[in-house]
Amino acid sequence: MFSNALEAAGFMYSNKRMHHAGPDKKPQELGMVVLRMCHAFCLTWFFINTMVSGAIVLGTFFPSVDRIKTNLPAETRWTTLRATIINPVTISDVSKTAVSVAETAIPTISVASTASQVQNSDSATTNFQDEILDVHNFLRQKHNSPPLQWSAKLQNYAQNYADQYNCNGILKHSGAPYGENIALGFNTTAALYAWYDEIKVYNFDNPGFSEQTGHFTQLVWKNTSQVGCGKIYCGSYYGQYTICNYYSPGNVAGQYRQNVS
């Protein structure tokens, strides 16, 4: 194989040529042959290593495409780097129709184990509510917006809509007569901060609606006084789905300057 490579590279020299070389040229000729053989060997090693390990371009190593492994799933898993958030809808004519979802009390349960599960569920719900309110109000105070109160009606509406989500990675607004922010792929606190992070591109000198800032403006909207949220877990692939509804709704056309500062 080595001799074939040398021959292919044009570096084969016959004994006949060596034999007819003059006495004073033998050492020089021999040295050149050895040098060329070494050169050919290096080239052969280069090509073999390239085929096995990858490709070398301008001195930089790039592994072969079929050898690249990745733990990331298909592109559809993320649309904005773990942040699949639906753009908000501008609300100019707000309906004041109440949510049709009735509030229901938790029935009395006599089975101890089931009662314990309900208690744990209540505790988790309380923690979720506290987290939602604490983060919302912490961020709202930066903009002199009054603190939000928790609304059981909005919570029921949001949770009912969340329970219908099929975890397919496609997000749609519910069409509620409320303000609405939705996130997929964040835990609770991270979702709220992702919405708030849109402040980076909000133009306070020219206030108004933008698809890139609608979650932020709803979150800090001064005229909003109530919030209720729901969530479901969509497994390790998509993570948590979070939806928050707001009353009175924000993003009302013509009211940005007095509500977002």
Foldseek 3Di string as FASTA:
>chain_A
DLVVLCVVVVLDDDVVVLVPDDPVCNVVVVVVSVVSSVVSVVVVVVVVCCVPAHHADPNDGDGHPVPDDDPDDDPLLDDPVLKDKFFWDADADFDPDFQPDDDDDDDDDDDPVVVVVVVVVVVVVVVLVVLLQVLLQVVLVVFVADGADEDPRQQRVQAVVQVPDPLPSDDDDPPDSWTKIKIKRDPRNVSLVVLLVLVVVADLVDHADDSSNSSNLQSNFRQWHYKHKHWDASPPSTGIIIMMTIPPTDNHGPCRNVGGD
